Amino acid sequence: MKKNISRNPLWPDWYNGKKIDEVQFGRAFLEQWPLKCVNGTLYTLDGPVEDEGEIKQRILENIEEYVISGLSKKVTNILETIKLLAFSDPFPIEQDCIHLHNGVYHLPDGSFQESRLFCQNRLPVKYDPKAASPDRWLTFLHELLDDADIPTLQEYLGYCLIPSTKGQKMMLIVGKGGEGKSRIGLVLKRLMGDAASNGSVQKVENNRFARADLERRLLMIDDDMDMNALPKTNYIKTIVTAEAKLDLERKGVQSYQRDIYARFLCFGNGALTSLYDHSDGFFRRQLILTTKDKPADRTDDPFLVEKMCAELEGILLWCLEGLHRLVQNDFRFTVSERAAANVDTIKRSSNNVIDFMESEGYFRFKADYSISSKEFYDIYKQWCEDNACHSVSAIRFSAELRQNDRRYNLEATNNIYLPGGRRVRGFVGIEPLVHPCP
């Protein structure tokens, strides 16, 4: 005959003397610590829970005196029950507001609402419209960058505060080393918290699992960019301009579709290049800022980051100013002549066909002349030898000309005739001025 256990009035409602009612415990837990579960990820009012260990610890503290054995398994089971009870549809992607530590900033009218709502990302900085100007931060930027490039940085950092890819740009800050440019990334990590992550552009492009790490992130910081040329660029280009869900993979999990709106901010000693992609599409996605040289007599301040982080509320206002300017300009960034020249320089350095087509003494543009692809390629190789350059392949050389035929007023044709009646490929509009020996 079963012995009835008299109920101890000190027991919680979810415990009957033998078992824990997981559903009842879960409901009581959620009343005390509100959570939502979206696509298997728990969210507090502060944003996504990056480490579920804290939630498990809270469960443990509540049940440990009521469980004799299998405590770890029981904690895990209760956590899964809580996730089911806290199920929520995905949060809307809010491009018109920014969730901050003390409320919500509304972008359209610049108003602020002192309430904390569940959201995809919450920045751990307070909004204070009366915050002092971030003088140390501004001094650092003026010492690091040309004054004409600072508005570009201001707009880009503001752009990174909202989940949008309308700007269709990534930013690279390039220097010779030692200038302190990566301090920007450290300050942003404090400003944005878990909404910003550290990573590698190379890894995002080449590792199929790395792209899932961008989920729910506003910004990925690559503070020491790998200078090796990318073997392919399709994923980077897609993420920078993403307008639809992307296919993501995690180890041991079936691939799934998610919205990715992470922006890239990269620091390095050179620009991002590609082995094979030399298209305008690859380069026009880049904003490239170059740093000033480090003064020989400068003494580095080991507490610089801490001093700038003391100005986070002012830095937030500075970023918001840049964001408003960007939005008013229909997400077209302010680009200085120097920054525009940086992109052109990098493009030319990775594709010397451009320089060859602007050279003198090897050929000239003439509408009633034509040249075979082989002869034109031989002239190009002569130019490369004269200028100590590496030549691209014949296939790529012809492809570059065909892709830019309107730019150079050329016409690709299959009707170039050689002696003996041989018909070959070539271009109309080129007169050769040199004839390299075969």
Foldseek 3Di string as FASTA:
>chain_A
DDDQDDADPPDDPQDRLQDGNLLVVLVVVCVVFPWAAEPNWIAGLQATDPDCPVVLVVVCVVCVVPDDDPSVVVSVVSVVSNHVVRYDYDDDQDQQWFAEQQFIAGNPVRDTDRDGDTDLFYWDDDADPPADALVLVVVLDVQWFPPLCVLLVLLVLLQLRGLDLQLLAAEEEAEQDDSCVCLVVVLVCNGRPPLEEEDAPLCCVPPQQVVVSQPSHSEYEHEEYDADARQDCVRVSCQNRPDAWDWHDDPPDDIDTDDGRYHYYYYYNDDHHHLPDLDPSVLVRYFYTYTDDDDPPDDDDPCSSVSSSVRSNNSNVSSSVSNSVCVVVSSHGSHDPVRVVRSVVVSCVNPVLVVVLVDPQFKAFDQADKDFLVQVLVSVVVVCVVVVHDDDDSVVSVVVCVVCCVVSVKDWDQADADPPGDTGTTIGGMGGRDGDDD
